[in-house]
Amino acid sequence: MEHLNQHETAQDLNISIFEGNEKLSIFSNAMTSISNETISLEEAFESIRDGFVERQIKDLRVLVENGDRPGYDSLKKQLPAITFSGLFKKRGKDHLEQHSGLICLDFDHLPNAGEVKRQLIEDPYARLIFISPSGQGLKVVVKIEGEHDKLFEMLANHYQQTYGLKADQSGKDVSRLCFLSHDPEAHYNPESWSFDPKFMKDFDPQQHEMGQRADEALAMDQVRELLQWIPPRPDYGQWIKIISAVGASLPDADAEMVLSEWSPEEKQGEYLEKLQKGRLDKCNPRTLIWHAKQNGF
């Protein structure tokens, strides 16, 4: 495959946590500790989609079907592997040269990885999704803006609360290797949203209530900021979505207040009426963020 033959050597890079150039280090196998090659996220996607390691993946999945775990583990270590979170000439978090602004989450032991992948394609944060070498898991790569470790916990919570998926905690390691796989239906969305903590309330993974979805944590001033980007009094379809999204973020009294500030009522009490009786269940804080982004946020 040409995708892996056109890498640049990483030289003279300053450590920068979130410049987000999405340049990644690639290692020839798990036993190699030195890398002089880089690959872009798009090139990684193309290599996974187009079958750079198709033969090896077929062999690995036969071993899985036959229950040969030792054989599987040994062969998997021979696959090329990527550090999705940044550039490393040498393996290990102390050797990070530049963060890519990406986190890779690993979801293992899925009964139907393909079905779960189709569900996650609708997730606004998923930049790259592909089936793992075993065929029984998924890798999800997300763009981030903020502190790596804390955002890993927030993302893991988001996917658990929204989709019931438990992320492998190994993904918290910024230098974690991810083996190349083959998935002809890998999903790549370069326009995915960045996972930005400024739209979340303070998050403590030790104290966070399991019943609270991470994407339901917009504060009142954050809702006001987002609404400033959305033109007042849009068509009815968008209007009811905005009301529903604000209502999913705030108590009814607060939601009514900020909605009236954004676009004054044409009929007294209409916001409260919609908040209490006409809200759309599928709308949530992400809906509000999406509409703000559509208008230049």
C-alpha atoms as a PDB file:
ATOM      1  CA  MET A   1       0.000   0.000   0.000  1.00  0.00           C
ATOM      2  CA  GLU A   2       1.285   3.466  -0.887  1.00  0.00           C
ATOM      3  CA  HIS A   3      -0.242   4.991   2.233  1.00  0.00           C
ATOM      4  CA  LEU A   4       2.556   3.693   4.433  1.00  0.00           C
ATOM      5  CA  ASN A   5       5.396   4.426   2.014  1.00  0.00           C
ATOM      6  CA  GLN A   6       5.095   8.208   1.988  1.00  0.00           C
ATOM      7  CA  HIS A   7       5.858   9.102   5.605  1.00  0.00           C
ATOM      8  CA  GLU A   8       7.897  12.065   6.736  1.00  0.00           C
ATOM      9  CA  THR A   9      10.576  11.796   9.384  1.00  0.00           C
ATOM     10  CA  ALA A  10       9.646  13.699  12.561  1.00  0.00           C
ATOM     11  CA  GLN A  11      12.407  16.223  13.286  1.00  0.00           C
ATOM     12  CA  ASP A  12      12.867  19.215  15.567  1.00  0.00           C
ATOM     13  CA  LEU A  13       9.364  19.054  17.059  1.00  0.00           C
ATOM     14  CA  ASN A  14       8.543  21.039  20.180  1.00  0.00           C
ATOM     15  CA  ILE A  15       6.358  19.324  22.745  1.00  0.00           C
ATOM     16  CA  SER A  16       2.925  20.851  22.248  1.00  0.00           C
ATOM     17  CA  ILE A  17      -0.082  19.189  23.765  1.00  0.00           C
ATOM     18  CA  PHE A  18      -2.883  20.359  21.536  1.00  0.00           C
ATOM     19  CA  GLU A  19      -1.651  21.929  18.337  1.00  0.00           C
ATOM     20  CA  GLY A  20      -3.516  19.040  16.763  1.00  0.00           C
ATOM     21  CA  ASN A  21      -1.568  18.413  13.582  1.00  0.00           C
ATOM     22  CA  GLU A  22      -2.829  14.817  13.641  1.00  0.00           C
ATOM     23  CA  LYS A  23       0.592  13.436  12.752  1.00  0.00           C
ATOM     24  CA  LEU A  24       1.122  10.060  14.384  1.00  0.00           C
ATOM     25  CA  SER A  25       4.078   7.758  14.894  1.00  0.00           C
ATOM     26  CA  ILE A  26       3.982   4.293  13.349  1.00  0.00           C
ATOM     27  CA  PHE A  27       6.029   1.352  14.628  1.00  0.00           C
ATOM     28  CA  SER A  28       6.788  -1.712  12.525  1.00  0.00           C
ATOM     29  CA  ASN A  29       5.580  -4.043  15.291  1.00  0.00           C
ATOM     30  CA  ALA A  30       5.016  -4.221  19.042  1.00  0.00           C
ATOM     31  CA  MET A  31       8.604  -5.281  19.731  1.00  0.00           C
ATOM     32  CA  THR A  32      10.033  -2.125  18.104  1.00  0.00           C
ATOM     33  CA  SER A  33      10.678   0.771  20.480  1.00  0.00           C
ATOM     34  CA  ILE A  34      12.016   3.273  17.929  1.00  0.00           C
ATOM     35  CA  SER A  35      10.060   5.029  15.160  1.00  0.00           C
ATOM     36  CA  ASN A  36      11.381   7.395  12.495  1.00  0.00           C
ATOM     37  CA  GLU A  37       8.168   7.404  10.485  1.00  0.00           C
ATOM     38  CA  THR A  38       4.924   9.332  10.735  1.00  0.00           C
ATOM     39  CA  ILE A  39       1.476   8.806   9.310  1.00  0.00           C
ATOM     40  CA  SER A  40      -1.539  11.098   9.156  1.00  0.00           C
ATOM     41  CA  LEU A  41      -4.916  10.069  10.524  1.00  0.00           C
ATOM     42  CA  GLU A  42      -6.333  10.009   7.003  1.00  0.00           C
ATOM     43  CA  GLU A  43      -3.485   7.750   5.824  1.00  0.00           C
ATOM     44  CA  ALA A  44      -4.138   5.436   8.761  1.00  0.00           C
ATOM     45  CA  PHE A  45      -7.817   5.276   7.774  1.00  0.00           C
ATOM     46  CA  GLU A  46      -6.943   4.493   4.155  1.00  0.00           C
ATOM     47  CA  SER A  47      -4.540   1.742   5.176  1.00  0.00           C
ATOM     48  CA  ILE A  48      -7.158   0.168   7.455  1.00  0.00           C
ATOM     49  CA  ARG A  49      -9.883   0.454   4.821  1.00  0.00           C
ATOM     50  CA  ASP A  50      -7.822  -0.691   1.853  1.00  0.00           C
ATOM     51  CA  GLY A  51      -6.283  -3.765   3.442  1.00  0.00           C
ATOM     52  CA  PHE A  52      -2.617  -3.034   4.114  1.00  0.00           C
ATOM     53  CA  VAL A  53      -2.661  -5.879   6.677  1.00  0.00           C
ATOM     54  CA  GLU A  54      -5.647  -7.791   5.305  1.00  0.00           C
ATOM     55  CA  ARG A  55      -3.863 -11.159   5.118  1.00  0.00           C
ATOM     56  CA  GLN A  56      -2.561 -10.923   8.682  1.00  0.00           C
ATOM     57  CA  ILE A  57      -5.996  -9.932  10.005  1.00  0.00           C
ATOM     58  CA  LYS A  58      -7.639 -12.909   8.294  1.00  0.00           C
ATOM     59  CA  ASP A  59      -5.093 -15.212   9.942  1.00  0.00           C
ATOM     60  CA  LEU A  60      -5.666 -13.579  13.326  1.00  0.00           C
ATOM     61  CA  ARG A  61      -9.429 -13.999  13.137  1.00  0.00           C
ATOM     62  CA  VAL A  62      -9.053 -17.681  12.282  1.00  0.00           C
ATOM     63  CA  LEU A  63      -6.988 -18.058  15.448  1.00  0.00           C
ATOM     64  CA  VAL A  64      -9.750 -16.302  17.406  1.00  0.00           C
ATOM     65  CA  GLU A  65     -12.382 -18.636  15.958  1.00  0.00           C
ATOM     66  CA  ASN A  66     -10.229 -21.642  16.886  1.00  0.00           C
ATOM     67  CA  GLY A  67      -9.722 -20.381  20.424  1.00  0.00           C
ATOM     68  CA  ASP A  68      -5.942 -20.160  20.017  1.00  0.00           C
ATOM     69  CA  ARG A  69      -5.277 -17.178  22.274  1.00  0.00           C
ATOM     70  CA  PRO A  70      -1.505 -17.674  22.609  1.00  0.00           C
ATOM     71  CA  GLY A  71      -1.168 -17.914  18.821  1.00  0.00           C
ATOM     72  CA  TYR A  72      -3.342 -14.825  18.381  1.00  0.00           C
ATOM     73  CA  ASP A  73      -1.358 -12.759  20.890  1.00  0.00           C
ATOM     74  CA  SER A  74       1.940 -13.759  19.288  1.00  0.00           C
ATOM     75  CA  LEU A  75       0.858 -12.958  15.724  1.00  0.00           C
ATOM     76  CA  LYS A  76      -0.841  -9.680  16.685  1.00  0.00           C
ATOM     77  CA  LYS A  77       2.431  -8.344  18.077  1.00  0.00           C
ATOM     78  CA  GLN A  78       3.864  -8.544  14.565  1.00  0.00           C
ATOM     79  CA  LEU A  79       1.342  -6.049  13.166  1.00  0.00           C
ATOM     80  CA  PRO A  80       2.336  -2.409  12.511  1.00  0.00           C
ATOM     81  CA  ALA A  81       1.111  -0.198  15.335  1.00  0.00           C
ATOM     82  CA  ILE A  82       0.264   3.506  15.679  1.00  0.00           C
ATOM     83  CA  THR A  83       0.420   5.938  18.586  1.00  0.00           C
ATOM     84  CA  PHE A  84      -2.768   7.862  17.863  1.00  0.00           C
ATOM     85  CA  SER A  85      -2.128  10.473  20.540  1.00  0.00           C
ATOM     86  CA  GLY A  86       1.085  11.829  19.105  1.00  0.00           C
ATOM     87  CA  LEU A  87       4.628  11.663  17.825  1.00  0.00           C
ATOM     88  CA  PHE A  88       7.198   9.480  19.573  1.00  0.00           C
ATOM     89  CA  LYS A  89      10.622   8.675  18.219  1.00  0.00           C
ATOM     90  CA  LYS A  90      10.868   6.284  21.159  1.00  0.00           C
ATOM     91  CA  ARG A  91       8.061   4.422  22.901  1.00  0.00           C
ATOM     92  CA  GLY A  92       6.963   5.718  26.288  1.00  0.00           C
ATOM     93  CA  LYS A  93       4.973   8.704  27.552  1.00  0.00           C
ATOM     94  CA  ASP A  94       8.152  10.478  28.640  1.00  0.00           C
ATOM     95  CA  HIS A  95       9.220  10.594  24.988  1.00  0.00           C
ATOM     96  CA  LEU A  96       6.171  12.434  23.633  1.00  0.00           C
ATOM     97  CA  GLU A  97       7.377  15.065  21.154  1.00  0.00           C
ATOM     98  CA  GLN A  98       4.039  16.464  20.052  1.00  0.00           C
ATOM     99  CA  HIS A  99       0.484  15.577  20.984  1.00  0.00           C
ATOM    100  CA  SER A 100      -1.808  14.970  18.017  1.00  0.00           C
ATOM    101  CA  GLY A 101      -4.941  16.260  19.727  1.00  0.00           C
ATOM    102  CA  LEU A 102      -6.430  12.746  19.433  1.00  0.00           C
ATOM    103  CA  ILE A 103      -7.448   9.990  21.827  1.00  0.00           C
ATOM    104  CA  CYS A 104      -8.134   6.398  20.794  1.00  0.00           C
ATOM    105  CA  LEU A 105     -10.711   4.504  22.832  1.00  0.00           C
ATOM    106  CA  ASP A 106     -10.780   0.717  22.772  1.00  0.00           C
ATOM    107  CA  PHE A 107     -14.038  -1.207  23.269  1.00  0.00           C
ATOM    108  CA  ASP A 108     -13.481  -4.956  23.579  1.00  0.00           C
ATOM    109  CA  HIS A 109     -15.616  -8.106  23.700  1.00  0.00           C
ATOM    110  CA  LEU A 110     -18.542  -6.800  21.666  1.00  0.00           C
ATOM    111  CA  PRO A 111     -21.053  -9.451  20.510  1.00  0.00           C
ATOM    112  CA  ASN A 112     -21.648  -7.553  17.251  1.00  0.00           C
ATOM    113  CA  ALA A 113     -18.925  -5.026  16.565  1.00  0.00           C
ATOM    114  CA  GLY A 114     -20.321  -4.117  13.142  1.00  0.00           C
ATOM    115  CA  GLU A 115     -23.720  -3.222  14.545  1.00  0.00           C
ATOM    116  CA  VAL A 116     -22.206  -1.103  17.313  1.00  0.00           C
ATOM    117  CA  LYS A 117     -20.011   0.658  14.750  1.00  0.00           C
ATOM    118  CA  ARG A 118     -23.064   1.618  12.693  1.00  0.00           C
ATOM    119  CA  GLN A 119     -24.574   3.119  15.833  1.00  0.00           C
ATOM    120  CA  LEU A 120     -21.433   5.080  16.662  1.00  0.00           C
ATOM    121  CA  ILE A 121     -21.248   6.574  13.166  1.00  0.00           C
ATOM    122  CA  GLU A 122     -23.952   8.970  14.394  1.00  0.00           C
ATOM    123  CA  ASP A 123     -21.806  10.067  17.337  1.00  0.00           C
ATOM    124  CA  PRO A 124     -20.640  13.655  16.664  1.00  0.00           C
ATOM    125  CA  TYR A 125     -17.226  13.131  18.287  1.00  0.00           C
ATOM    126  CA  ALA A 126     -16.143   9.980  16.435  1.00  0.00           C
ATOM    127  CA  ARG A 127     -13.470  10.936  13.901  1.00  0.00           C
ATOM    128  CA  LEU A 128     -12.323   7.408  13.023  1.00  0.00           C
ATOM    129  CA  ILE A 129     -14.027   4.093  13.823  1.00  0.00           C
ATOM    130  CA  PHE A 130     -12.788   0.663  12.832  1.00  0.00           C
ATOM    131  CA  ILE A 131     -13.093  -2.959  13.896  1.00  0.00           C
ATOM    132  CA  SER A 132     -10.135  -4.280  15.890  1.00  0.00           C
ATOM    133  CA  PRO A 133      -7.816  -7.077  14.696  1.00  0.00           C
ATOM    134  CA  SER A 134      -9.777  -9.703  16.645  1.00  0.00           C
ATOM    135  CA  GLY A 135     -13.029  -8.728  14.926  1.00  0.00           C
ATOM    136  CA  GLN A 136     -14.642  -8.518  18.359  1.00  0.00           C
ATOM    137  CA  GLY A 137     -13.905  -4.934  19.327  1.00  0.00           C
ATOM    138  CA  LEU A 138     -13.926  -1.347  18.111  1.00  0.00           C
ATOM    139  CA  LYS A 139     -11.400   1.466  18.063  1.00  0.00           C
ATOM    140  CA  VAL A 140     -12.826   4.989  18.213  1.00  0.00           C
ATOM    141  CA  VAL A 141     -10.540   7.984  17.645  1.00  0.00           C
ATOM    142  CA  VAL A 142     -11.738  11.365  18.915  1.00  0.00           C
ATOM    143  CA  LYS A 143     -10.374  14.894  18.530  1.00  0.00           C
ATOM    144  CA  ILE A 144      -9.833  16.588  21.900  1.00  0.00           C
ATOM    145  CA  GLU A 145      -9.073  20.044  23.268  1.00  0.00           C
ATOM    146  CA  GLY A 146      -7.668  19.937  26.779  1.00  0.00           C
ATOM    147  CA  GLU A 147      -5.861  17.681  29.248  1.00  0.00           C
ATOM    148  CA  HIS A 148      -5.347  14.150  27.904  1.00  0.00           C
ATOM    149  CA  ASP A 149      -6.002  12.134  31.079  1.00  0.00           C
ATOM    150  CA  LYS A 150      -9.042  14.098  32.200  1.00  0.00           C
ATOM    151  CA  LEU A 151     -10.613  14.062  28.743  1.00  0.00           C
ATOM    152  CA  PHE A 152     -10.079  10.326  28.465  1.00  0.00           C
ATOM    153  CA  GLU A 153     -12.184   9.882  31.615  1.00  0.00           C
ATOM    154  CA  MET A 154     -14.855  12.246  30.288  1.00  0.00           C
ATOM    155  CA  LEU A 155     -14.959  10.476  26.924  1.00  0.00           C
ATOM    156  CA  ALA A 156     -15.107   7.054  28.551  1.00  0.00           C
ATOM    157  CA  ASN A 157     -18.045   8.304  30.598  1.00  0.00           C
ATOM    158  CA  HIS A 158     -19.732   9.747  27.512  1.00  0.00           C
ATOM    159  CA  TYR A 159     -19.591   6.444  25.629  1.00  0.00           C
ATOM    160  CA  GLN A 160     -20.653   4.407  28.640  1.00  0.00           C
ATOM    161  CA  GLN A 161     -23.608   6.607  29.510  1.00  0.00           C
ATOM    162  CA  THR A 162     -24.716   7.222  25.918  1.00  0.00           C
ATOM    163  CA  TYR A 163     -24.099   3.807  24.340  1.00  0.00           C
ATOM    164  CA  GLY A 164     -23.444   1.419  27.216  1.00  0.00           C
ATOM    165  CA  LEU A 165     -19.832   0.843  26.088  1.00  0.00           C
ATOM    166  CA  LYS A 166     -16.991   0.414  28.563  1.00  0.00           C
ATOM    167  CA  ALA A 167     -13.630   1.709  27.346  1.00  0.00           C
ATOM    168  CA  ASP A 168     -10.413  -0.133  28.131  1.00  0.00           C
ATOM    169  CA  GLN A 169      -8.519   2.033  30.643  1.00  0.00           C
ATOM    170  CA  SER A 170      -5.261   1.434  28.754  1.00  0.00           C
ATOM    171  CA  GLY A 171      -6.330   4.243  26.418  1.00  0.00           C
ATOM    172  CA  LYS A 172      -5.441   6.760  29.106  1.00  0.00           C
ATOM    173  CA  ASP A 173      -1.749   6.088  28.341  1.00  0.00           C
ATOM    174  CA  VAL A 174      -0.734   8.769  25.840  1.00  0.00           C
ATOM    175  CA  SER A 175       1.879   6.411  24.362  1.00  0.00           C
ATOM    176  CA  ARG A 176      -0.499   3.465  23.985  1.00  0.00           C
ATOM    177  CA  LEU A 177       0.045   1.484  20.779  1.00  0.00           C
ATOM    178  CA  CYS A 178      -2.910   0.645  18.564  1.00  0.00           C
ATOM    179  CA  PHE A 179      -2.429  -2.165  16.055  1.00  0.00           C
ATOM    180  CA  LEU A 180      -3.416  -1.641  12.449  1.00  0.00           C
ATOM    181  CA  SER A 181      -6.456  -3.616  11.409  1.00  0.00           C
ATOM    182  CA  HIS A 182      -8.475  -4.265   8.277  1.00  0.00           C
ATOM    183  CA  ASP A 183     -12.001  -2.918   8.027  1.00  0.00           C
ATOM    184  CA  PRO A 184     -13.276  -2.143   4.507  1.00  0.00           C
ATOM    185  CA  GLU A 185     -16.158  -0.232   6.113  1.00  0.00           C
ATOM    186  CA  ALA A 186     -14.025   1.853   8.475  1.00  0.00           C
ATOM    187  CA  HIS A 187     -15.622   5.239   9.135  1.00  0.00           C
ATOM    188  CA  TYR A 188     -13.680   8.509   8.880  1.00  0.00           C
ATOM    189  CA  ASN A 189     -15.249  11.902   9.557  1.00  0.00           C
ATOM    190  CA  PRO A 190     -12.703  14.742   9.378  1.00  0.00           C
ATOM    191  CA  GLU A 191     -15.496  17.186  10.301  1.00  0.00           C
ATOM    192  CA  SER A 192     -16.306  15.517  13.629  1.00  0.00           C
ATOM    193  CA  TRP A 193     -16.628  17.749  16.659  1.00  0.00           C
ATOM    194  CA  SER A 194     -13.742  18.228  19.039  1.00  0.00           C
ATOM    195  CA  PHE A 195     -14.493  17.019  22.543  1.00  0.00           C
ATOM    196  CA  ASP A 196     -14.174  20.334  24.347  1.00  0.00           C
ATOM    197  CA  PRO A 197     -14.359  20.501  28.160  1.00  0.00           C
ATOM    198  CA  LYS A 198     -15.551  24.103  28.210  1.00  0.00           C
ATOM    199  CA  PHE A 199     -19.022  22.766  27.473  1.00  0.00           C
ATOM    200  CA  MET A 200     -18.939  20.474  30.484  1.00  0.00           C
ATOM    201  CA  LYS A 201     -19.350  21.197  34.161  1.00  0.00           C
ATOM    202  CA  ASP A 202     -16.377  20.357  36.368  1.00  0.00           C
ATOM    203  CA  PHE A 203     -15.936  16.619  36.047  1.00  0.00           C
ATOM    204  CA  ASP A 204     -14.468  14.368  38.719  1.00  0.00           C
ATOM    205  CA  PRO A 205     -14.372  10.722  37.574  1.00  0.00           C
ATOM    206  CA  GLN A 206     -14.386   9.604  41.228  1.00  0.00           C
ATOM    207  CA  GLN A 207     -17.520  11.587  42.100  1.00  0.00           C
ATOM    208  CA  HIS A 208     -19.470  11.641  38.845  1.00  0.00           C
ATOM    209  CA  GLU A 209     -22.964  10.184  39.209  1.00  0.00           C
ATOM    210  CA  MET A 210     -23.479   7.246  36.902  1.00  0.00           C
ATOM    211  CA  GLY A 211     -27.007   8.368  36.102  1.00  0.00           C
ATOM    212  CA  GLN A 212     -25.877  11.680  34.647  1.00  0.00           C
ATOM    213  CA  ARG A 213     -24.847  11.750  31.009  1.00  0.00           C
ATOM    214  CA  ALA A 214     -21.710  13.737  30.324  1.00  0.00           C
ATOM    215  CA  ASP A 215     -23.359  15.579  27.456  1.00  0.00           C
ATOM    216  CA  GLU A 216     -26.139  16.835  29.797  1.00  0.00           C
ATOM    217  CA  ALA A 217     -23.756  19.026  31.734  1.00  0.00           C
ATOM    218  CA  LEU A 218     -23.996  22.446  30.061  1.00  0.00           C
ATOM    219  CA  ALA A 219     -24.104  25.301  32.528  1.00  0.00           C
ATOM    220  CA  MET A 220     -26.456  28.263  32.150  1.00  0.00           C
ATOM    221  CA  ASP A 221     -23.775  30.669  30.937  1.00  0.00           C
ATOM    222  CA  GLN A 222     -22.629  28.097  28.377  1.00  0.00           C
ATOM    223  CA  VAL A 223     -26.177  27.756  27.038  1.00  0.00           C
ATOM    224  CA  ARG A 224     -26.381  31.557  26.750  1.00  0.00           C
ATOM    225  CA  GLU A 225     -23.093  31.632  24.848  1.00  0.00           C
ATOM    226  CA  LEU A 226     -24.262  28.995  22.366  1.00  0.00           C
ATOM    227  CA  LEU A 227     -27.623  30.686  21.816  1.00  0.00           C
ATOM    228  CA  GLN A 228     -25.854  33.921  20.865  1.00  0.00           C
ATOM    229  CA  TRP A 229     -24.639  32.157  17.722  1.00  0.00           C
ATOM    230  CA  ILE A 230     -28.081  30.955  16.653  1.00  0.00           C
ATOM    231  CA  PRO A 231     -30.341  33.443  14.831  1.00  0.00           C
ATOM    232  CA  PRO A 232     -33.492  34.195  16.856  1.00  0.00           C
ATOM    233  CA  ARG A 233     -36.880  32.886  15.842  1.00  0.00           C
ATOM    234  CA  PRO A 234     -35.851  30.302  13.209  1.00  0.00           C
ATOM    235  CA  ASP A 235     -38.402  28.100  11.439  1.00  0.00           C
ATOM    236  CA  TYR A 236     -40.615  25.996  13.689  1.00  0.00           C
ATOM    237  CA  GLY A 237     -38.697  22.752  13.208  1.00  0.00           C
ATOM    238  CA  GLN A 238     -35.404  24.296  14.338  1.00  0.00           C
ATOM    239  CA  TRP A 239     -37.136  26.380  17.031  1.00  0.00           C
ATOM    240  CA  ILE A 240     -38.613  23.346  18.796  1.00  0.00           C
ATOM    241  CA  LYS A 241     -35.257  21.552  18.616  1.00  0.00           C
ATOM    242  CA  ILE A 242     -33.527  24.513  20.253  1.00  0.00           C
ATOM    243  CA  ILE A 243     -36.160  24.630  23.004  1.00  0.00           C
ATOM    244  CA  SER A 244     -35.814  20.888  23.577  1.00  0.00           C
ATOM    245  CA  ALA A 245     -32.019  21.048  23.681  1.00  0.00           C
ATOM    246  CA  VAL A 246     -32.039  23.916  26.185  1.00  0.00           C
ATOM    247  CA  GLY A 247     -34.638  22.060  28.232  1.00  0.00           C
ATOM    248  CA  ALA A 248     -32.361  19.017  28.351  1.00  0.00           C
ATOM    249  CA  SER A 249     -29.599  21.201  29.781  1.00  0.00           C
ATOM    250  CA  LEU A 250     -31.402  23.354  32.349  1.00  0.00           C
ATOM    251  CA  PRO A 251     -34.373  23.328  34.738  1.00  0.00           C
ATOM    252  CA  ASP A 252     -37.537  24.658  33.117  1.00  0.00           C
ATOM    253  CA  ALA A 253     -37.413  28.074  34.848  1.00  0.00           C
ATOM    254  CA  ASP A 254     -33.802  28.689  33.790  1.00  0.00           C
ATOM    255  CA  ALA A 255     -34.459  27.351  30.293  1.00  0.00           C
ATOM    256  CA  GLU A 256     -37.457  29.671  29.907  1.00  0.00           C
ATOM    257  CA  MET A 257     -35.337  32.654  31.000  1.00  0.00           C
ATOM    258  CA  VAL A 258     -32.425  32.094  28.593  1.00  0.00           C
ATOM    259  CA  LEU A 259     -34.755  31.248  25.698  1.00  0.00           C
ATOM    260  CA  SER A 260     -36.675  34.515  26.238  1.00  0.00           C
ATOM    261  CA  GLU A 261     -33.362  36.410  26.282  1.00  0.00           C
ATOM    262  CA  TRP A 262     -32.374  34.728  23.010  1.00  0.00           C
ATOM    263  CA  SER A 263     -35.682  35.240  21.210  1.00  0.00           C
ATOM    264  CA  PRO A 264     -38.578  37.035  22.947  1.00  0.00           C
ATOM    265  CA  GLU A 265     -41.851  35.135  23.125  1.00  0.00           C
ATOM    266  CA  GLU A 266     -44.503  35.931  20.528  1.00  0.00           C
ATOM    267  CA  LYS A 267     -47.141  34.408  22.799  1.00  0.00           C
ATOM    268  CA  GLN A 268     -46.823  34.668  26.556  1.00  0.00           C
ATOM    269  CA  GLY A 269     -45.939  31.360  28.170  1.00  0.00           C
ATOM    270  CA  GLU A 270     -45.109  29.557  24.909  1.00  0.00           C
ATOM    271  CA  TYR A 271     -41.625  28.506  26.007  1.00  0.00           C
ATOM    272  CA  LEU A 272     -42.820  26.985  29.273  1.00  0.00           C
ATOM    273  CA  GLU A 273     -45.625  25.210  27.436  1.00  0.00           C
ATOM    274  CA  LYS A 274     -43.181  23.637  24.956  1.00  0.00           C
ATOM    275  CA  LEU A 275     -40.692  22.790  27.697  1.00  0.00           C
ATOM    276  CA  GLN A 276     -43.347  20.958  29.696  1.00  0.00           C
ATOM    277  CA  LYS A 277     -45.408  19.362  26.928  1.00  0.00           C
ATOM    278  CA  GLY A 278     -43.774  19.661  23.519  1.00  0.00           C
ATOM    279  CA  ARG A 279     -40.100  18.726  24.001  1.00  0.00           C
ATOM    280  CA  LEU A 280     -38.421  16.337  21.572  1.00  0.00           C
ATOM    281  CA  ASP A 281     -36.846  13.441  23.473  1.00  0.00           C
ATOM    282  CA  LYS A 282     -33.973  12.968  21.012  1.00  0.00           C
ATOM    283  CA  CYS A 283     -32.693  16.532  21.415  1.00  0.00           C
ATOM    284  CA  ASN A 284     -29.946  17.091  23.981  1.00  0.00           C
ATOM    285  CA  PRO A 285     -27.105  19.553  24.672  1.00  0.00           C
ATOM    286  CA  ARG A 286     -25.172  18.218  21.672  1.00  0.00           C
ATOM    287  CA  THR A 287     -28.083  19.426  19.506  1.00  0.00           C
ATOM    288  CA  LEU A 288     -27.553  22.963  20.782  1.00  0.00           C
ATOM    289  CA  ILE A 289     -23.804  22.797  20.176  1.00  0.00           C
ATOM    290  CA  TRP A 290     -24.413  21.500  16.642  1.00  0.00           C
ATOM    291  CA  HIS A 291     -26.770  24.383  15.751  1.00  0.00           C
ATOM    292  CA  ALA A 292     -24.281  26.907  17.152  1.00  0.00           C
ATOM    293  CA  LYS A 293     -21.491  25.377  15.049  1.00  0.00           C
ATOM    294  CA  GLN A 294     -23.671  25.588  11.951  1.00  0.00           C
ATOM    295  CA  ASN A 295     -23.801  29.346  12.503  1.00  0.00           C
ATOM    296  CA  GLY A 296     -20.097  29.945  12.963  1.00  0.00           C
ATOM    297  CA  PHE A 297     -19.377  29.076  16.586  1.00  0.00           C
END
